[in-house]
Amino acid sequence: MTEDTPYTMRRNIISFIDRSLANLMATAASSARQGRKYAEGTQPFTVLIEGNIGSGKTTYLKYFEKFNDVCLLTEPVEKWRNVNGVNLLELMYKDPKKWAMPFQSYVTLTMLQSHTAPTDKKLKIMERSIFSARYCFVENMRRNGSLEDGMYNTLTEWYKFIDESIHIQADLIIYLRTSPEVAHERIRQRARSEESCVPLKYLQELHELHEDWLIYHRRPQACKVIVLDADLNLENIGSEYQRSESSIFDAISGTHQPAPVLVSPSKRERMSR
C-alpha cells in the first residue's frame, strides 16, 4: 500500500493519538507515584458549560469576554478538524464505525489538555468537559453501535485511570438546556460542513443522556448544576446569562470566605451586650 491510502492514514492518526495519550498518562502516573494527582492544586475555580450540539455554548462564553480575570476555553474543535492535516471530526460523522474510537480518544486527550492547562486567572470557564465526553457522547456511541464492546471497554479503562491519576477541577456546571428541535434548527442555520449530516434523532439521543446526567442525576455529579433555559433567542436570553453570572461570582466569593467562628450561646449573649 502507498502512504496515501485510507488504511495508512487511519493507522498514522491512531498512532499519533496513542503516543500523545501515552505521554500524558506517563506524566500522570509519575505524579500518582509521588502521592498526588497530576494538576492537583494548579487550577482556579472552574465552571463547565454543558449542553447539546447547538445549545449556544460558544455564545455563552463570549458573554464573559468582558471580564479580564477569566480564562475562557472553547471546545477544541479546530484541533479535531486538523490532526496532522486530517479532519477527524468530519471523518467521525461520515463513518462513525471506523472513526468513533480514534476520534473519542483524541477528544479525551484535548479535553484533558484544557482541564489541566495552567492559568493565572482566578476563574476558568470551559466549553464542555471530559464528563460530557464520557457520560453523553461515548455512551451514545456505544448504544448506537459506533463503538464495539472492546472499544467501549478500552475507553472505560482510560477514564478509570484518569479518575485515579489526574485532577479534574470542577466547581460548577452550567447546563444550557435546549430542546432537540431548537438545537437542530440552529445547527442548520450555522451550516458547519461537518454537521450537515447530523439528524434530529442524534440530537434527541444526546439530549436524553444530558438529562439523565444533569437533571435526573443518573450519573455521578462532580459539582452543583445550574440549569438555564437555552431555548430562548439572543434577544431574551440575557437575563439567564446574568443569573448565571451572579451565581458564578457568588460561588467564587463563597469559596474564599473565612470559616465561621462558632461560639456557645452564653458567650454569644455576653458578646452582644
Protein backbone atom coordinates (compact mmCIF):
# COMPACT_ATOMS: atom_id res chain seq x y z
CA MET A 1 0.00 0.00 0.00
CA THR A 2 1.15 3.56 -0.69
CA GLU A 3 1.45 6.10 2.07
CA ASP A 4 -1.70 7.98 1.00
CA THR A 5 -4.14 5.07 1.32
CA PRO A 6 -7.03 5.38 3.78
CA TYR A 7 -5.65 2.43 5.74
CA THR A 8 -2.26 4.11 6.20
CA MET A 9 -3.88 7.45 7.08
CA ARG A 10 -6.01 5.81 9.77
CA ARG A 11 -3.02 3.88 11.13
CA ASN A 12 -0.92 7.07 11.32
CA ILE A 13 -3.68 9.04 13.05
CA ILE A 14 -4.25 6.30 15.63
CA SER A 15 -0.50 6.03 16.24
CA PHE A 16 -0.22 9.81 16.79
CA ILE A 17 -3.14 9.86 19.24
CA ASP A 18 -1.87 6.82 21.13
CA ARG A 19 1.60 8.35 21.55
CA SER A 20 0.15 11.65 22.75
CA LEU A 21 -2.15 9.95 25.26
CA ALA A 22 0.65 7.68 26.45
CA ASN A 23 2.89 10.69 27.15
CA LEU A 24 0.19 12.42 29.19
CA MET A 25 -0.65 9.25 31.09
CA ALA A 26 3.03 8.63 31.87
CA THR A 27 3.24 12.10 33.39
CA ALA A 28 0.07 11.44 35.39
CA ALA A 29 1.39 8.08 36.59
CA SER A 30 4.60 9.74 37.75
CA SER A 31 2.58 12.24 39.82
CA ALA A 32 0.50 9.42 41.28
CA ARG A 33 3.62 7.60 42.42
CA GLN A 34 4.55 10.75 44.34
CA GLY A 35 1.25 10.62 46.16
CA ARG A 36 -0.72 13.29 44.30
CA LYS A 37 -2.84 13.60 41.20
CA TYR A 38 -1.45 15.33 38.13
CA ALA A 39 -2.50 19.06 38.05
CA GLU A 40 -3.78 18.91 41.63
CA GLY A 41 -3.67 22.36 43.24
CA THR A 42 -2.90 24.14 39.96
CA GLN A 43 -6.39 25.16 38.81
CA PRO A 44 -8.63 28.10 39.72
CA PHE A 45 -12.39 27.97 40.30
CA THR A 46 -13.63 26.14 37.20
CA VAL A 47 -17.04 26.33 35.53
CA LEU A 48 -18.04 23.77 32.90
CA ILE A 49 -20.53 24.80 30.21
CA GLU A 50 -22.52 21.77 29.13
CA GLY A 51 -25.29 21.20 26.63
CA ASN A 52 -26.28 19.60 23.36
CA ILE A 53 -24.83 20.46 19.98
CA GLY A 54 -26.35 23.82 19.05
CA SER A 55 -27.28 24.80 22.61
CA GLY A 56 -25.32 28.06 22.45
CA LYS A 57 -22.20 27.20 24.44
CA THR A 58 -19.79 29.32 22.38
CA THR A 59 -22.19 32.28 22.51
CA TYR A 60 -22.39 31.87 26.27
CA LEU A 61 -18.60 32.00 26.60
CA LYS A 62 -18.48 35.21 24.56
CA TYR A 63 -20.67 36.84 27.21
CA PHE A 64 -17.75 36.52 29.65
CA GLU A 65 -15.17 38.12 27.35
CA LYS A 66 -15.87 41.44 29.12
CA PHE A 67 -14.10 40.15 32.25
CA ASN A 68 -10.31 40.43 32.27
CA ASP A 69 -9.66 37.89 35.02
CA VAL A 70 -11.39 34.96 33.34
CA CYS A 71 -9.72 32.17 31.33
CA LEU A 72 -12.13 31.13 28.57
CA LEU A 73 -11.52 27.79 26.85
CA THR A 74 -13.72 26.93 23.89
CA GLU A 75 -14.21 23.34 22.79
CA PRO A 76 -11.06 22.39 20.81
CA VAL A 77 -12.96 21.84 17.56
CA GLU A 78 -10.15 23.26 15.43
CA LYS A 79 -7.79 20.61 16.79
CA TRP A 80 -10.31 17.93 15.84
CA ARG A 81 -10.54 19.41 12.34
CA ASN A 82 -6.79 19.25 11.82
CA VAL A 83 -4.97 16.23 13.23
CA ASN A 84 -1.76 16.28 11.21
CA GLY A 85 -3.77 17.60 8.27
CA VAL A 86 -6.73 15.24 8.72
CA ASN A 87 -10.26 16.45 9.59
CA LEU A 88 -11.04 13.84 12.24
CA LEU A 89 -14.38 15.44 13.13
CA GLU A 90 -15.61 15.12 9.55
CA LEU A 91 -14.43 11.51 9.28
CA MET A 92 -16.21 10.61 12.52
CA TYR A 93 -19.54 11.97 11.25
CA LYS A 94 -19.17 10.33 7.82
CA ASP A 95 -18.03 6.89 9.03
CA PRO A 96 -18.54 6.54 12.80
CA LYS A 97 -17.98 2.77 12.84
CA LYS A 98 -14.42 3.31 11.62
CA TRP A 99 -13.56 6.64 13.26
CA ALA A 100 -15.51 6.86 16.54
CA MET A 101 -12.74 5.24 18.59
CA PRO A 102 -9.80 7.36 17.37
CA PHE A 103 -11.97 10.47 17.45
CA GLN A 104 -13.11 9.93 21.03
CA SER A 105 -9.57 9.08 22.10
CA TYR A 106 -8.42 12.42 20.68
CA VAL A 107 -11.32 14.22 22.36
CA THR A 108 -10.15 12.70 25.66
CA LEU A 109 -6.62 13.98 25.08
CA THR A 110 -7.64 17.51 24.06
CA MET A 111 -10.15 17.89 26.89
CA LEU A 112 -7.52 16.78 29.41
CA GLN A 113 -5.18 19.40 27.97
CA SER A 114 -7.84 22.04 28.61
CA HIS A 115 -8.66 20.77 32.10
CA THR A 116 -5.00 20.86 33.16
CA ALA A 117 -3.88 23.98 31.24
CA PRO A 118 -2.18 26.43 33.64
CA THR A 119 -3.60 29.93 34.05
CA ASP A 120 -3.06 32.87 36.38
CA LYS A 121 -6.72 33.88 36.15
CA LYS A 122 -9.00 33.45 39.16
CA LEU A 123 -11.73 31.80 37.07
CA LYS A 124 -11.65 29.23 34.26
CA ILE A 125 -14.74 28.65 32.10
CA MET A 126 -14.62 25.63 29.79
CA GLU A 127 -16.89 24.66 26.94
CA ARG A 128 -17.79 21.04 27.70
CA SER A 129 -15.63 18.65 29.68
CA ILE A 130 -14.34 15.13 29.92
CA PHE A 131 -17.53 14.32 31.86
CA SER A 132 -19.88 15.04 28.94
CA ALA A 133 -17.50 13.20 26.62
CA ARG A 134 -17.80 10.19 28.89
CA TYR A 135 -21.44 10.26 30.01
CA CYS A 136 -23.07 11.57 26.82
CA PHE A 137 -21.04 11.12 23.65
CA VAL A 138 -19.19 7.88 24.40
CA GLU A 139 -22.32 6.34 25.92
CA ASN A 140 -24.33 7.27 22.83
CA MET A 141 -21.67 5.78 20.55
CA ARG A 142 -21.93 2.54 22.49
CA ARG A 143 -25.73 2.50 22.27
CA ASN A 144 -25.87 3.17 18.53
CA GLY A 145 -23.16 0.64 17.72
CA SER A 146 -20.42 3.07 16.66
CA LEU A 147 -18.27 1.72 19.49
CA GLU A 148 -18.00 -2.04 19.84
CA ASP A 149 -17.73 -3.52 23.31
CA GLY A 150 -13.96 -3.85 23.15
CA MET A 151 -13.55 -0.20 22.16
CA TYR A 152 -16.01 0.97 24.81
CA ASN A 153 -14.28 -1.10 27.49
CA THR A 154 -10.90 0.33 26.48
CA LEU A 155 -12.18 3.90 26.85
CA THR A 156 -13.73 2.95 30.19
CA GLU A 157 -10.31 1.82 31.41
CA TRP A 158 -8.80 5.13 30.28
CA TYR A 159 -11.45 7.03 32.25
CA LYS A 160 -10.81 4.89 35.30
CA PHE A 161 -7.11 5.74 35.11
CA ILE A 162 -7.93 9.43 34.69
CA ASP A 163 -10.20 9.37 37.76
CA GLU A 164 -7.39 7.88 39.81
CA SER A 165 -4.44 9.88 38.48
CA ILE A 166 -5.49 13.26 37.05
CA HIS A 167 -7.17 16.08 38.96
CA ILE A 168 -10.20 17.44 37.07
CA GLN A 169 -11.20 20.74 38.66
CA ALA A 170 -14.99 21.14 38.54
CA ASP A 171 -16.68 23.66 40.84
CA LEU A 172 -19.88 24.46 38.93
CA ILE A 173 -21.72 23.21 35.84
CA ILE A 174 -23.91 25.49 33.74
CA TYR A 175 -26.33 23.34 31.76
CA LEU A 176 -27.68 25.11 28.66
CA ARG A 177 -30.88 23.11 28.41
CA THR A 178 -32.18 23.11 24.86
CA SER A 179 -34.89 21.11 23.13
CA PRO A 180 -33.51 18.92 20.31
CA GLU A 181 -35.74 20.68 17.76
CA VAL A 182 -34.31 24.11 18.59
CA ALA A 183 -30.76 22.73 18.55
CA HIS A 184 -31.38 21.10 15.15
CA GLU A 185 -32.59 24.37 13.65
CA ARG A 186 -29.57 26.26 14.99
CA ILE A 187 -27.22 23.66 13.50
CA ARG A 188 -28.98 24.08 10.16
CA GLN A 189 -28.58 27.85 10.31
CA ARG A 190 -24.88 27.92 11.25
CA ALA A 191 -24.14 25.38 8.47
CA ARG A 192 -20.87 23.82 9.61
CA SER A 193 -19.87 21.43 6.85
CA GLU A 194 -19.12 18.57 9.28
CA GLU A 195 -22.59 18.87 10.86
CA SER A 196 -24.59 18.75 7.62
CA CYS A 197 -25.40 15.08 8.22
CA VAL A 198 -26.45 15.42 11.88
CA PRO A 199 -30.06 14.11 12.15
CA LEU A 200 -32.64 15.19 14.70
CA LYS A 201 -32.62 11.67 16.15
CA TYR A 202 -28.95 12.05 17.12
CA LEU A 203 -29.71 15.27 18.99
CA GLN A 204 -32.64 13.60 20.74
CA GLU A 205 -30.37 10.80 21.92
CA LEU A 206 -27.77 13.26 23.23
CA HIS A 207 -30.49 15.31 24.90
CA GLU A 208 -31.71 12.27 26.83
CA LEU A 209 -28.18 11.50 28.02
CA HIS A 210 -27.60 15.09 29.15
CA GLU A 211 -30.91 14.96 31.01
CA ASP A 212 -30.01 11.65 32.67
CA TRP A 213 -26.74 13.14 33.85
CA LEU A 214 -27.59 16.72 34.80
CA ILE A 215 -31.32 16.67 35.60
CA TYR A 216 -32.09 13.18 36.88
CA HIS A 217 -28.62 12.55 38.40
CA ARG A 218 -28.26 9.05 36.97
CA ARG A 219 -24.55 9.71 36.52
CA PRO A 220 -22.04 10.89 39.15
CA GLN A 221 -22.29 14.60 39.90
CA ALA A 222 -18.94 16.37 40.06
CA CYS A 223 -20.43 19.58 41.47
CA LYS A 224 -23.50 21.82 41.65
CA VAL A 225 -25.51 22.25 38.44
CA ILE A 226 -27.30 25.44 37.35
CA VAL A 227 -29.85 24.95 34.56
CA LEU A 228 -30.53 27.75 32.06
CA ASP A 229 -33.35 27.94 29.52
CA ALA A 230 -31.23 27.98 26.37
CA ASP A 231 -34.21 27.72 24.03
CA LEU A 232 -34.51 31.50 24.38
CA ASN A 233 -33.21 33.57 21.49
CA LEU A 234 -30.35 36.06 21.80
CA GLU A 235 -32.73 38.94 22.47
CA ASN A 236 -34.24 37.23 25.52
CA ILE A 237 -31.53 35.05 26.98
CA GLY A 238 -29.62 37.95 28.55
CA SER A 239 -31.46 37.57 31.85
CA GLU A 240 -30.42 33.89 32.02
CA TYR A 241 -26.80 34.86 31.40
CA GLN A 242 -26.97 37.49 34.16
CA ARG A 243 -28.49 34.98 36.58
CA SER A 244 -25.68 32.53 35.96
CA GLU A 245 -23.06 35.29 36.18
CA SER A 246 -24.29 36.17 39.67
CA SER A 247 -24.26 32.51 40.69
CA ILE A 248 -20.70 32.05 39.45
CA PHE A 249 -19.23 35.06 41.22
CA ASP A 250 -21.24 34.40 44.38
CA ALA A 251 -19.83 30.87 44.41
CA ILE A 252 -16.28 32.17 43.96
CA SER A 253 -16.78 34.61 46.85
CA GLY A 254 -18.14 31.80 48.98
CA THR A 255 -15.05 29.67 48.43
CA HIS A 256 -12.86 32.46 49.76
CA GLN A 257 -14.91 33.38 52.82
CA PRO A 258 -13.21 32.81 56.19
CA ALA A 259 -14.58 29.91 58.20
CA PRO A 260 -17.35 30.99 60.60
CA VAL A 261 -16.45 31.27 64.26
CA LEU A 262 -18.81 29.20 66.36
CA VAL A 263 -19.38 30.27 69.97
CA SER A 264 -21.54 28.95 72.74
CA PRO A 265 -24.95 30.61 73.40
CA SER A 266 -23.72 32.04 76.73
CA LYS A 267 -20.62 33.60 75.17
CA ARG A 268 -22.70 34.96 72.26
CA GLU A 269 -25.01 36.63 74.80
CA ARG A 270 -22.06 38.27 76.59
CA MET A 271 -20.61 39.48 73.30
CA SER A 272 -23.90 41.14 72.35
CA ARG A 273 -24.02 43.29 75.50
